[in-house]
Amino acid sequence: MPSTLKIALAQANATVGDIDGNIDAMRRMRERAAGMGADVVVFPELFVTGYPPEDLVLKPAFVAAAKHSVEQFAASMGDGPAVLTGTVWPHEGKVYNAVVLIDNGAVEAVRFKVDLPNYGVFDEKRVFAAGPMPGPVNVRGVRIGVPICEDIWGPDVVECLAETGAEILISPNGSPFDWKKPDVRMNIVVSRVVESGLPIAYVNLVGGQDELVFDGGSFVLNADKSLGVQLPEWEEALVLTTWHREDDGWRCAAGECAALETDAGAAYRACVLGLRDYVDKSGFPGVLLGLSGGIDSALVAAMAVDALGPARVRAVMLPYRYTSQESLRDAEACAKALGIDYTVLPIEDGVAGVTASLAPLLAGTNADVTEENLQSRVRGTMLMALSNKFGSMVVTTGNKSEMAVGYATLYGDMNGGFNPIKDLYKTEVYRLSRWRNENLPKGALGPAGEVIPEAIIIKVPSAELRPNQTDQDSLPPYDALDDILICLVENEMPLADIIARGHAPQIVQRIERLVYLAEYKRRQSAPGVKISSRNFGRDRRYPIINRFREGA
């Protein structure tokens, strides 16, 4: 029986559907792990296929391609460390979320995920069969239990592995980020360690996939609950852990423990990574956005530069007669601070042309929100024209507060391919803006210092669609609005409880009504980074036609 085992934790970034690319990444990281002297290298959940593969799993050709590629990889491995990796795997007419042990030129063992999550962003019961209770696999003479992601969120799978002789637990994960998730994960792993008396290596994906972003943050917790190793968040990492057999079981030798970002820093880096991977994995050369002189577009511009570098970001100011000189000045100052290409394209002629075309049908009516929305829709059309012509993706800049109450123009400022701040409330936009001015995130491609001018942060928010307009003409102050929205959206609180927090009943009822009415807009909005535990779309699925209203 070996007294030492060297396990390399491969916190890696997979691309959904790029089976060959993901296998190549495995091969490269295995070669590096071999140079470190690893006995086994461990990859995250479904790394071969990318996570989540969603309905690709229902495509037989996809499943067959994954299995064939794994078998080819196994046959070509040669000497070196064993590999534990996640993949889809067919067996007796069913398809499973699996982990395979590859060693000695073959797939030596396969274990299936037992507990398939079917809540929030997860829909695994739709595509996978649930596996039987697993036993450990033999890795170089050590019995390793491999509970897959959700399998450690309850006690049963880990209990079964402990009872069937597992000595070490390695949990491959595809666990997406939200504000509270790092603490929740640690608490879950602590519970399993206490119950089983076994150490756990937690290996998580890193990278963006559509609206999800995976933060990495892999770690090892010893049987005495001490932290053996902590990998960084938001970046790929390959870390060798050394394990020693002691009288009371296996223990991971103390290694490097990276400091983790919290609160605004974690949210900012999530948005940047989600945007970067969405652009790069989709093959766009860069992005463009409307830079209005307001805080939302300024924060998105900063995130875009940090994600892609200034050379891949283009900003366009699209002024109309109601655009203030302060907005023109502030947008230019923001663009200069970020070092990005900046162009001013007035929309007066475009709005006049559309207005003239509509004049026969609108004759005799009073100007209202229709005319205001024409400005936004002309801006959206111009941005999309630039995108079509030059290939860069339009990033849209609406925050979660606006998305919640419909304070956005469909086919106007909602135009775009992706929205990095879609899951940030307005008050959080302010908080992240101030954080970014005070911090240069690790790996950011933008400049240090004040990149969002203070004048933008302190100005009164306005859509500038009519003279002297402010957001508070139509909405409560954002502190109050966001508190109501968090109660309604994140916590599904009864109206009476929200009113008890000090909000006027008529305002709470009005905001609830607006949230319901704006569902049709949200269904047509661009995807965006999910950072909360309850984002619009994957987490919160309300009907568009909905006459339910709660009495206060």
Protein backbone atom coordinates (compact mmCIF):
# COMPACT_ATOMS: atom_id res chain seq x y z
CA MET A 1 0.00 0.00 0.00
CA PRO A 2 1.50 3.38 -1.00
CA SER A 3 2.33 5.86 1.73
CA THR A 4 2.35 8.89 -0.55
CA LEU A 5 0.06 10.01 -3.37
CA LYS A 6 0.56 13.09 -5.51
CA ILE A 7 -2.69 14.51 -6.91
CA ALA A 8 -2.65 17.38 -9.42
CA LEU A 9 -5.79 19.53 -9.32
CA ALA A 10 -6.56 20.87 -12.79
CA GLN A 11 -8.83 23.90 -12.40
CA ALA A 12 -9.46 24.39 -16.10
CA ASN A 13 -11.68 26.28 -18.55
CA ALA A 14 -13.72 24.10 -20.91
CA THR A 15 -15.78 25.16 -23.93
CA VAL A 16 -19.13 23.44 -24.40
CA GLY A 17 -19.15 21.25 -27.49
CA ASP A 18 -15.43 21.65 -28.23
CA ILE A 19 -14.59 18.06 -27.39
CA ASP A 20 -11.31 18.03 -29.32
CA GLY A 21 -10.21 21.34 -27.79
CA ASN A 22 -11.06 20.20 -24.28
CA ILE A 23 -9.21 16.91 -24.80
CA ASP A 24 -6.17 18.85 -26.06
CA ALA A 25 -6.30 21.01 -22.91
CA MET A 26 -6.39 17.82 -20.83
CA ARG A 27 -3.39 16.46 -22.68
CA ARG A 28 -1.36 19.64 -22.14
CA MET A 29 -2.20 19.84 -18.43
CA ARG A 30 -1.42 16.15 -17.97
CA GLU A 31 2.01 16.71 -19.52
CA ARG A 32 2.62 19.54 -17.06
CA ALA A 33 1.38 17.40 -14.19
CA ALA A 34 3.74 14.62 -15.25
CA GLY A 35 6.62 17.09 -15.00
CA MET A 36 5.52 17.84 -11.44
CA GLY A 37 5.65 14.15 -10.56
CA ALA A 38 1.89 13.66 -10.21
CA ASP A 39 0.38 10.21 -9.82
CA VAL A 40 -3.04 11.39 -10.98
CA VAL A 41 -4.46 14.60 -12.43
CA VAL A 42 -8.09 15.50 -11.73
CA PHE A 43 -10.32 17.59 -14.01
CA PRO A 44 -13.72 19.13 -13.23
CA GLU A 45 -17.21 17.82 -13.93
CA LEU A 46 -18.04 17.16 -17.61
CA PHE A 47 -14.75 18.72 -18.67
CA VAL A 48 -14.59 16.70 -21.89
CA THR A 49 -17.88 18.13 -23.16
CA GLY A 50 -17.98 21.42 -21.32
CA TYR A 51 -20.61 22.26 -18.72
CA PRO A 52 -23.56 22.48 -18.94
CA PRO A 53 -24.04 20.70 -22.29
CA GLU A 54 -27.83 20.96 -21.93
CA ASP A 55 -29.75 19.31 -24.79
CA LEU A 56 -26.58 18.40 -26.66
CA VAL A 57 -26.76 15.32 -24.43
CA LEU A 58 -29.92 14.29 -26.29
CA LYS A 59 -27.95 14.18 -29.56
CA PRO A 60 -26.55 10.66 -30.06
CA ALA A 61 -23.71 11.92 -32.26
CA PHE A 62 -22.51 14.21 -29.47
CA VAL A 63 -22.50 11.43 -26.89
CA ALA A 64 -20.73 9.06 -29.28
CA ALA A 65 -18.11 11.69 -30.13
CA ALA A 66 -17.35 12.27 -26.46
CA LYS A 67 -16.93 8.56 -25.72
CA HIS A 68 -14.79 7.99 -28.81
CA SER A 69 -12.53 10.94 -27.97
CA VAL A 70 -12.04 9.75 -24.39
CA GLU A 71 -11.09 6.28 -25.60
CA GLN A 72 -8.69 7.70 -28.18
CA PHE A 73 -7.13 9.92 -25.53
CA ALA A 74 -6.72 6.92 -23.23
CA ALA A 75 -5.06 4.84 -25.94
CA SER A 76 -2.60 7.64 -26.77
CA MET A 77 -1.66 8.65 -23.21
CA GLY A 78 1.55 6.70 -22.73
CA ASP A 79 3.37 6.69 -19.41
CA GLY A 80 2.56 9.30 -16.82
CA PRO A 81 -0.16 10.18 -14.35
CA ALA A 82 -3.61 8.67 -14.37
CA VAL A 83 -6.50 10.97 -15.26
CA LEU A 84 -9.84 11.46 -13.55
CA THR A 85 -12.13 13.56 -15.72
CA GLY A 86 -15.79 14.31 -16.19
CA THR A 87 -17.63 13.40 -19.38
CA VAL A 88 -20.98 12.22 -20.69
CA TRP A 89 -21.03 8.44 -20.92
CA PRO A 90 -23.52 6.05 -22.54
CA HIS A 91 -24.31 2.78 -20.82
CA GLU A 92 -27.02 0.22 -21.57
CA GLY A 93 -29.18 2.65 -23.53
CA LYS A 94 -28.90 5.54 -21.06
CA VAL A 95 -26.61 8.56 -20.84
CA TYR A 96 -24.91 9.55 -17.61
CA ASN A 97 -23.00 12.46 -16.13
CA ALA A 98 -19.86 10.48 -15.40
CA VAL A 99 -16.28 10.51 -14.17
CA VAL A 100 -13.84 8.18 -15.88
CA LEU A 101 -10.54 6.91 -14.55
CA ILE A 102 -8.01 6.65 -17.38
CA ASP A 103 -4.79 4.76 -16.76
CA ASN A 104 -2.57 2.21 -18.46
CA GLY A 105 -3.87 3.20 -21.89
CA ALA A 106 -7.53 2.47 -21.15
CA VAL A 107 -10.66 3.61 -19.36
CA GLU A 108 -10.22 1.56 -16.19
CA ALA A 109 -13.31 2.67 -14.24
CA VAL A 110 -16.46 4.73 -14.70
CA ARG A 111 -18.63 6.25 -11.99
CA PHE A 112 -22.00 7.95 -12.53
CA LYS A 113 -23.53 10.98 -10.85
CA VAL A 114 -26.31 9.94 -8.50
CA ASP A 115 -28.01 13.18 -7.42
CA LEU A 116 -29.06 15.14 -10.51
CA PRO A 117 -29.92 18.77 -9.68
CA ASN A 118 -33.12 20.13 -11.12
CA TYR A 119 -33.49 23.60 -9.61
CA GLY A 120 -32.37 27.12 -10.45
CA VAL A 121 -29.97 26.97 -13.38
CA PHE A 122 -29.79 23.17 -13.34
CA ASP A 123 -31.90 20.84 -15.47
CA GLU A 124 -29.92 17.60 -15.41
CA LYS A 125 -32.87 15.27 -14.92
CA ARG A 126 -34.00 16.35 -18.37
CA VAL A 127 -30.97 14.84 -20.09
CA PHE A 128 -29.18 12.41 -17.76
CA ALA A 129 -30.08 9.16 -16.05
CA ALA A 130 -29.28 8.96 -12.34
CA GLY A 131 -26.51 6.52 -11.50
CA PRO A 132 -26.47 3.87 -8.79
CA MET A 133 -24.75 4.41 -5.47
CA PRO A 134 -21.01 4.27 -6.25
CA GLY A 135 -18.05 2.57 -4.70
CA PRO A 136 -14.49 3.93 -4.79
CA VAL A 137 -12.06 3.54 -7.71
CA ASN A 138 -8.51 2.27 -7.32
CA VAL A 139 -5.96 4.94 -8.21
CA ARG A 140 -2.39 3.68 -7.94
CA GLY A 141 -3.33 1.52 -4.97
CA VAL A 142 -5.47 4.09 -3.15
CA ARG A 143 -9.25 3.82 -2.93
CA ILE A 144 -10.65 7.14 -4.16
CA GLY A 145 -14.32 8.12 -3.91
CA VAL A 146 -15.49 10.49 -6.64
CA PRO A 147 -18.82 12.09 -5.67
CA ILE A 148 -19.75 14.39 -8.56
CA CYS A 149 -20.79 17.96 -7.68
CA GLU A 150 -24.38 17.67 -6.35
CA ASP A 151 -23.49 14.28 -4.85
CA ILE A 152 -21.77 16.09 -1.96
CA TRP A 153 -24.71 18.42 -1.25
CA GLY A 154 -26.45 15.62 0.62
CA PRO A 155 -24.98 12.97 2.91
CA ASP A 156 -26.01 9.74 1.17
CA VAL A 157 -23.41 9.35 -1.61
CA VAL A 158 -20.48 10.28 0.61
CA GLU A 159 -21.77 7.95 3.32
CA CYS A 160 -21.91 5.10 0.79
CA LEU A 161 -18.37 5.80 -0.39
CA ALA A 162 -17.05 5.86 3.16
CA GLU A 163 -18.80 2.60 4.00
CA THR A 164 -17.41 0.91 0.88
CA GLY A 165 -13.80 1.74 1.71
CA ALA A 166 -12.96 5.13 0.22
CA GLU A 167 -9.81 6.63 1.73
CA ILE A 168 -9.85 10.02 -0.01
CA LEU A 169 -12.75 11.86 -1.65
CA ILE A 170 -12.21 13.85 -4.84
CA SER A 171 -15.25 15.82 -5.98
CA PRO A 172 -15.23 17.11 -9.60
CA ASN A 173 -17.52 20.12 -9.86
CA GLY A 174 -19.22 22.41 -12.34
CA SER A 175 -20.44 24.85 -9.70
CA PRO A 176 -21.40 28.29 -11.04
CA PHE A 177 -20.69 31.42 -9.06
CA ASP A 178 -23.09 33.59 -7.16
CA TRP A 179 -22.45 36.10 -4.38
CA LYS A 180 -22.99 33.58 -1.58
CA LYS A 181 -21.70 30.41 -3.21
CA PRO A 182 -18.07 30.23 -1.92
CA ASP A 183 -19.18 30.18 1.71
CA VAL A 184 -22.00 27.75 0.94
CA ARG A 185 -19.60 25.35 -0.78
CA MET A 186 -17.18 25.38 2.12
CA ASN A 187 -19.97 24.72 4.60
CA ILE A 188 -21.20 21.78 2.51
CA VAL A 189 -17.74 20.24 2.29
CA VAL A 190 -17.18 20.72 6.03
CA SER A 191 -20.40 18.80 6.68
CA ARG A 192 -19.33 15.89 4.48
CA VAL A 193 -15.87 15.80 6.09
CA VAL A 194 -17.36 15.72 9.58
CA GLU A 195 -19.85 13.00 8.66
CA SER A 196 -17.42 10.76 6.80
CA GLY A 197 -14.15 11.44 8.57
CA LEU A 198 -12.50 11.63 5.14
CA PRO A 199 -10.54 14.46 3.46
CA ILE A 200 -12.06 16.02 0.35
CA ALA A 201 -10.41 17.60 -2.69
CA TYR A 202 -12.95 19.92 -4.36
CA VAL A 203 -12.10 20.62 -8.03
CA ASN A 204 -14.20 23.25 -9.81
CA LEU A 205 -14.48 24.58 -13.34
CA VAL A 206 -13.40 28.12 -14.18
CA GLY A 207 -14.70 30.26 -17.04
CA GLY A 208 -17.86 31.59 -18.63
CA GLN A 209 -20.57 29.64 -20.45
CA ASP A 210 -23.51 31.68 -21.75
CA GLU A 211 -24.99 33.31 -18.61
CA LEU A 212 -23.09 31.15 -16.14
CA VAL A 213 -19.63 31.92 -14.84
CA PHE A 214 -17.54 29.39 -12.92
CA ASP A 215 -15.14 30.87 -10.42
CA GLY A 216 -12.81 27.94 -9.77
CA GLY A 217 -11.72 28.35 -6.16
CA SER A 218 -10.83 24.65 -5.83
CA PHE A 219 -9.54 23.51 -2.45
CA VAL A 220 -8.59 20.60 -0.20
CA LEU A 221 -10.09 20.11 3.24
CA ASN A 222 -8.40 17.57 5.51
CA ALA A 223 -10.27 15.21 7.79
CA ASP A 224 -9.66 17.56 10.73
CA LYS A 225 -11.30 20.39 8.68
CA SER A 226 -8.00 22.18 8.17
CA LEU A 227 -7.49 23.81 4.78
CA GLY A 228 -4.68 22.05 2.95
CA VAL A 229 -4.66 23.97 -0.35
CA GLN A 230 -6.72 26.82 -1.79
CA LEU A 231 -6.54 27.54 -5.52
CA PRO A 232 -7.24 31.04 -6.84
CA GLU A 233 -10.55 32.11 -8.34
CA TRP A 234 -11.22 33.41 -11.87
CA GLU A 235 -8.17 31.82 -13.50
CA GLU A 236 -6.92 28.43 -14.62
CA ALA A 237 -4.53 26.68 -12.27
CA LEU A 238 -2.71 23.37 -12.04
CA VAL A 239 -1.57 22.65 -8.50
CA LEU A 240 0.20 19.56 -7.20
CA THR A 241 -0.99 18.33 -3.82
CA THR A 242 1.03 15.80 -1.83
CA TRP A 243 -0.81 13.33 0.36
CA HIS A 244 0.68 11.16 3.11
CA ARG A 245 -0.83 8.11 4.73
CA GLU A 246 -0.88 8.60 8.50
CA ASP A 247 -2.11 6.37 11.31
CA ASP A 248 -5.61 7.84 11.14
CA GLY A 249 -5.84 8.16 7.35
CA TRP A 250 -4.63 10.32 4.48
CA ARG A 251 -3.63 13.94 4.91
CA CYS A 252 -2.80 16.61 2.34
CA ALA A 253 0.43 18.44 3.10
CA ALA A 254 -0.03 22.17 3.58
CA GLY A 255 0.33 24.06 0.33
CA GLU A 256 -0.33 27.49 -1.09
CA CYS A 257 -3.63 29.07 -0.08
CA ALA A 258 -4.66 31.84 -2.44
CA ALA A 259 -6.55 34.84 -1.08
CA LEU A 260 -10.09 34.98 -2.44
CA GLU A 261 -11.99 38.04 -3.62
CA THR A 262 -15.19 38.87 -1.77
CA ASP A 263 -18.24 41.05 -2.32
CA ALA A 264 -17.75 43.77 -4.98
CA GLY A 265 -14.38 42.42 -6.09
CA ALA A 266 -15.77 38.93 -6.68
CA ALA A 267 -18.81 40.26 -8.54
CA TYR A 268 -16.66 42.52 -10.73
CA ARG A 269 -14.31 39.71 -11.70
CA ALA A 270 -17.26 37.43 -12.42
CA CYS A 271 -18.68 39.98 -14.85
CA VAL A 272 -15.32 40.46 -16.56
CA LEU A 273 -14.64 36.74 -16.95
CA GLY A 274 -18.19 36.08 -18.16
CA LEU A 275 -17.89 38.80 -20.79
CA ARG A 276 -14.41 37.76 -21.92
CA ASP A 277 -15.35 34.12 -22.44
CA TYR A 278 -18.65 34.96 -24.13
CA VAL A 279 -16.83 37.17 -26.67
CA ASP A 280 -13.83 34.91 -27.19
CA LYS A 281 -15.67 31.58 -27.27
CA SER A 282 -18.20 33.05 -29.70
CA GLY A 283 -15.41 34.28 -31.98
CA PHE A 284 -16.08 38.02 -31.95
CA PRO A 285 -13.09 40.28 -32.70
CA GLY A 286 -14.21 42.79 -30.09
CA VAL A 287 -17.15 44.77 -28.74
CA LEU A 288 -18.78 48.14 -29.16
CA LEU A 289 -21.18 50.00 -26.95
CA GLY A 290 -23.10 53.21 -26.66
CA LEU A 291 -21.27 55.38 -24.13
CA SER A 292 -23.88 57.81 -22.80
CA GLY A 293 -22.05 59.59 -20.02
CA GLY A 294 -24.07 57.60 -17.46
CA ILE A 295 -22.78 55.18 -14.88
CA ASP A 296 -24.14 51.97 -16.42
CA SER A 297 -22.38 52.34 -19.75
CA ALA A 298 -19.22 53.60 -18.02
CA LEU A 299 -19.04 50.49 -15.84
CA VAL A 300 -19.67 48.21 -18.84
CA ALA A 301 -16.93 50.00 -20.77
CA ALA A 302 -14.50 49.44 -17.88
CA MET A 303 -15.44 45.76 -17.70
CA ALA A 304 -15.03 45.38 -21.45
CA VAL A 305 -11.55 46.92 -21.39
CA ASP A 306 -10.52 44.79 -18.42
CA ALA A 307 -11.81 41.70 -20.23
CA LEU A 308 -10.53 42.32 -23.74
CA GLY A 309 -8.06 45.19 -23.68
CA PRO A 310 -8.65 48.72 -25.02
CA ALA A 311 -7.82 47.82 -28.62
CA ARG A 312 -10.87 45.52 -28.82
CA VAL A 313 -13.39 48.00 -27.39
CA ARG A 314 -15.10 50.77 -29.34
CA ALA A 315 -17.38 53.38 -27.78
CA VAL A 316 -19.93 55.49 -29.62
CA MET A 317 -21.67 58.55 -28.21
CA LEU A 318 -25.05 59.05 -29.90
CA PRO A 319 -26.27 62.49 -28.79
CA TYR A 320 -29.67 64.07 -29.45
CA ARG A 321 -31.01 67.52 -28.62
CA TYR A 322 -31.67 66.50 -25.01
CA THR A 323 -28.16 65.18 -24.42
CA SER A 324 -26.44 67.50 -21.95
CA GLN A 325 -22.99 68.96 -22.38
CA GLU A 326 -22.08 67.27 -19.12
CA SER A 327 -22.90 63.87 -20.63
CA LEU A 328 -20.79 64.61 -23.69
CA ARG A 329 -17.91 65.71 -21.49
CA ASP A 330 -18.20 62.74 -19.12
CA ALA A 331 -18.42 60.14 -21.89
CA GLU A 332 -15.31 61.52 -23.53
CA ALA A 333 -13.45 61.60 -20.21
CA CYS A 334 -14.37 57.97 -19.53
CA ALA A 335 -13.23 56.88 -23.00
CA LYS A 336 -9.91 58.71 -22.57
CA ALA A 337 -9.36 57.20 -19.10
CA LEU A 338 -9.89 53.73 -20.56
CA GLY A 339 -7.87 54.40 -23.72
CA ILE A 340 -10.57 53.24 -26.12
CA ASP A 341 -11.66 54.34 -29.58
CA TYR A 342 -14.43 56.93 -29.18
CA THR A 343 -16.71 58.39 -31.83
CA VAL A 344 -19.56 60.91 -31.63
CA LEU A 345 -22.44 60.17 -34.03
CA PRO A 346 -25.40 62.57 -33.61
CA ILE A 347 -28.82 60.99 -34.18
CA GLU A 348 -30.78 64.16 -35.00
CA ASP A 349 -31.16 63.33 -38.70
CA GLY A 350 -32.10 59.73 -38.00
CA VAL A 351 -34.83 60.65 -35.52
CA ALA A 352 -36.10 63.37 -37.87
CA GLY A 353 -36.33 60.91 -40.74
CA VAL A 354 -38.31 58.34 -38.76
CA THR A 355 -40.53 61.08 -37.31
CA ALA A 356 -41.26 62.44 -40.78
CA SER A 357 -42.15 58.99 -42.08
CA LEU A 358 -44.59 58.46 -39.20
CA ALA A 359 -46.06 61.97 -39.35
CA PRO A 360 -49.15 61.09 -41.45
CA LEU A 361 -50.18 58.39 -38.99
CA LEU A 362 -49.30 60.32 -35.83
CA ALA A 363 -50.97 63.57 -36.91
CA GLY A 364 -53.29 64.97 -34.25
CA THR A 365 -51.69 63.02 -31.37
CA ASN A 366 -49.65 64.42 -28.51
CA ALA A 367 -45.98 63.63 -28.11
CA ASP A 368 -45.37 60.99 -25.43
CA VAL A 369 -43.15 58.00 -24.71
CA THR A 370 -43.47 56.99 -28.37
CA GLU A 371 -41.28 59.87 -29.47
CA GLU A 372 -38.90 59.31 -26.58
CA ASN A 373 -38.42 55.67 -27.56
CA LEU A 374 -37.66 56.65 -31.16
CA GLN A 375 -34.41 58.16 -29.92
CA SER A 376 -33.39 54.93 -28.22
CA ARG A 377 -34.39 52.83 -31.22
CA VAL A 378 -32.39 54.97 -33.64
CA ARG A 379 -29.39 54.56 -31.36
CA GLY A 380 -29.92 50.81 -31.27
CA THR A 381 -30.18 50.64 -35.06
CA MET A 382 -26.95 52.58 -35.51
CA LEU A 383 -25.04 50.38 -33.08
CA MET A 384 -26.30 47.23 -34.78
CA ALA A 385 -25.32 48.65 -38.18
CA LEU A 386 -21.76 49.16 -36.94
CA SER A 387 -21.77 45.64 -35.53
CA ASN A 388 -22.94 44.17 -38.84
CA LYS A 389 -20.39 46.14 -40.82
CA PHE A 390 -17.29 45.59 -38.66
CA GLY A 391 -18.10 42.36 -36.79
CA SER A 392 -17.81 43.55 -33.20
CA MET A 393 -20.56 42.51 -30.82
CA VAL A 394 -22.76 45.17 -29.24
CA VAL A 395 -22.73 44.96 -25.45
CA THR A 396 -25.86 46.34 -23.87
CA THR A 397 -25.82 48.19 -20.58
CA GLY A 398 -29.12 47.81 -18.70
CA ASN A 399 -28.89 46.98 -15.00
CA LYS A 400 -31.12 44.59 -13.04
CA SER A 401 -33.23 47.38 -11.56
CA GLU A 402 -34.14 48.57 -15.06
CA MET A 403 -34.71 45.04 -16.31
CA ALA A 404 -36.97 44.38 -13.33
CA VAL A 405 -39.38 47.27 -13.93
CA GLY A 406 -39.06 47.55 -17.71
CA TYR A 407 -37.24 50.90 -17.63
CA ALA A 408 -35.61 50.12 -20.96
CA THR A 409 -36.59 50.35 -24.62
CA LEU A 410 -37.13 47.12 -26.49
CA TYR A 411 -35.25 47.19 -29.83
CA GLY A 412 -33.45 50.29 -28.58
CA ASP A 413 -31.07 50.42 -25.64
CA MET A 414 -31.83 46.73 -25.07
CA ASN A 415 -30.16 45.87 -28.41
CA GLY A 416 -27.02 43.80 -28.07
CA GLY A 417 -25.49 40.36 -27.83
CA PHE A 418 -24.49 40.29 -24.16
CA ASN A 419 -24.92 42.30 -20.97
CA PRO A 420 -22.27 41.98 -18.26
CA ILE A 421 -24.28 43.97 -15.67
CA LYS A 422 -27.68 42.35 -16.27
CA ASP A 423 -27.70 40.82 -12.79
CA LEU A 424 -26.48 43.93 -10.93
CA TYR A 425 -28.98 46.23 -9.27
CA LYS A 426 -28.40 49.96 -9.74
CA THR A 427 -27.04 50.40 -6.21
CA GLU A 428 -24.60 47.55 -6.93
CA VAL A 429 -23.53 49.31 -10.15
CA TYR A 430 -22.49 52.29 -8.02
CA ARG A 431 -20.67 50.04 -5.56
CA LEU A 432 -18.73 48.18 -8.26
CA SER A 433 -17.85 51.42 -10.01
CA ARG A 434 -16.27 52.84 -6.88
CA TRP A 435 -14.51 49.52 -6.24
CA ARG A 436 -13.01 49.50 -9.73
CA ASN A 437 -11.71 53.05 -9.35
CA GLU A 438 -9.88 51.93 -6.22
CA ASN A 439 -8.67 48.54 -7.47
CA LEU A 440 -7.04 47.02 -10.53
CA PRO A 441 -8.29 43.43 -10.63
CA LYS A 442 -5.77 40.65 -11.15
CA GLY A 443 -5.56 39.81 -14.83
CA ALA A 444 -7.37 42.99 -15.92
CA LEU A 445 -6.23 44.42 -19.24
CA GLY A 446 -7.32 47.96 -18.44
CA PRO A 447 -5.46 50.78 -16.68
CA ALA A 448 -5.22 51.38 -12.95
CA GLY A 449 -6.72 54.42 -11.28
CA GLU A 450 -9.97 56.29 -11.81
CA VAL A 451 -11.45 54.89 -15.01
CA ILE A 452 -15.02 55.98 -14.23
CA PRO A 453 -14.95 59.76 -13.70
CA GLU A 454 -16.31 60.90 -10.36
CA ALA A 455 -18.64 63.27 -12.21
CA ILE A 456 -20.43 60.22 -13.66
CA ILE A 457 -20.77 58.57 -10.26
CA ILE A 458 -22.26 61.59 -8.50
CA LYS A 459 -24.59 62.85 -11.24
CA VAL A 460 -28.36 62.33 -11.02
CA PRO A 461 -29.29 59.38 -13.32
CA SER A 462 -31.24 60.32 -16.44
CA ALA A 463 -32.20 58.69 -19.72
CA GLU A 464 -32.11 62.21 -21.30
CA LEU A 465 -35.07 61.53 -23.56
CA ARG A 466 -36.83 64.82 -22.71
CA PRO A 467 -35.82 68.13 -21.10
CA ASN A 468 -34.76 67.97 -17.44
CA GLN A 469 -35.64 64.27 -17.16
CA THR A 470 -34.37 62.13 -14.26
CA ASP A 471 -34.94 58.47 -13.46
CA GLN A 472 -36.72 59.49 -10.27
CA ASP A 473 -39.47 61.13 -12.35
CA SER A 474 -40.70 57.58 -13.03
CA LEU A 475 -39.13 55.46 -10.29
CA PRO A 476 -38.57 55.63 -6.53
CA PRO A 477 -35.03 56.49 -5.40
CA TYR A 478 -32.78 53.55 -6.24
CA ASP A 479 -32.04 52.69 -2.61
CA ALA A 480 -35.75 52.20 -2.00
CA LEU A 481 -36.44 50.61 -5.40
CA ASP A 482 -33.66 48.06 -5.03
CA ASP A 483 -34.78 47.12 -1.54
CA ILE A 484 -38.30 46.47 -2.85
CA LEU A 485 -36.97 44.52 -5.82
CA ILE A 486 -34.69 42.34 -3.71
CA CYS A 487 -37.68 41.54 -1.51
CA LEU A 488 -39.84 40.71 -4.54
CA VAL A 489 -37.35 38.99 -6.83
CA GLU A 490 -34.68 37.43 -4.64
CA ASN A 491 -36.80 36.57 -1.62
CA GLU A 492 -40.41 36.29 -2.94
CA MET A 493 -41.61 38.18 0.15
CA PRO A 494 -45.31 38.91 0.74
CA LEU A 495 -46.22 42.53 0.02
CA ALA A 496 -47.28 43.08 3.63
CA ASP A 497 -43.76 42.18 4.80
CA ILE A 498 -42.20 44.56 2.27
CA ILE A 499 -44.50 47.37 3.35
CA ALA A 500 -43.53 46.67 6.96
CA ARG A 501 -39.95 47.61 6.01
CA GLY A 502 -41.17 51.21 5.63
CA HIS A 503 -42.25 51.36 1.99
CA ALA A 504 -45.52 53.00 0.99
CA PRO A 505 -48.17 50.40 0.02
CA GLN A 506 -49.03 52.08 -3.28
CA ILE A 507 -45.35 52.13 -4.30
CA VAL A 508 -44.83 48.46 -3.45
CA GLN A 509 -47.94 47.46 -5.39
CA ARG A 510 -46.86 49.59 -8.35
CA ILE A 511 -43.39 48.05 -8.44
CA GLU A 512 -44.85 44.54 -8.22
CA ARG A 513 -47.09 45.37 -11.18
CA LEU A 514 -44.17 46.72 -13.21
CA VAL A 515 -42.11 43.60 -12.51
CA TYR A 516 -44.89 41.38 -13.81
CA LEU A 517 -45.57 43.55 -16.87
CA ALA A 518 -41.90 43.67 -17.91
CA GLU A 519 -41.57 39.90 -18.25
CA TYR A 520 -42.07 40.09 -22.03
CA LYS A 521 -39.16 42.51 -22.31
CA ARG A 522 -36.86 40.34 -20.23
CA ARG A 523 -37.62 37.34 -22.44
CA GLN A 524 -36.19 39.34 -25.37
CA SER A 525 -33.20 40.79 -23.55
CA ALA A 526 -29.60 39.82 -24.21
CA PRO A 527 -28.05 37.11 -22.03
CA GLY A 528 -25.86 38.38 -19.24
CA VAL A 529 -23.63 37.22 -16.42
CA LYS A 530 -25.46 35.56 -13.54
CA ILE A 531 -23.99 36.58 -10.19
CA SER A 532 -26.99 36.42 -7.86
CA SER A 533 -28.78 33.39 -6.50
CA ARG A 534 -31.91 34.41 -8.44
CA ASN A 535 -31.30 36.01 -11.79
CA PHE A 536 -33.92 36.78 -14.42
CA GLY A 537 -34.21 33.89 -16.86
CA ARG A 538 -32.61 30.68 -15.61
CA ASP A 539 -33.55 31.12 -11.96
CA ARG A 540 -36.79 33.07 -12.11
CA ARG A 541 -39.22 31.73 -14.69
CA TYR A 542 -42.48 33.65 -14.62
CA PRO A 543 -45.23 33.53 -17.28
CA ILE A 544 -45.59 36.50 -19.60
CA ILE A 545 -49.38 36.43 -19.40
CA ASN A 546 -50.01 36.63 -15.69
CA ARG A 547 -52.99 38.26 -13.98
CA PHE A 548 -52.04 37.31 -10.45
CA ARG A 549 -51.62 40.28 -8.12
CA GLU A 550 -51.14 39.96 -4.40
CA GLY A 551 -53.33 42.08 -2.17
CA ALA A 552 -51.29 44.08 0.32
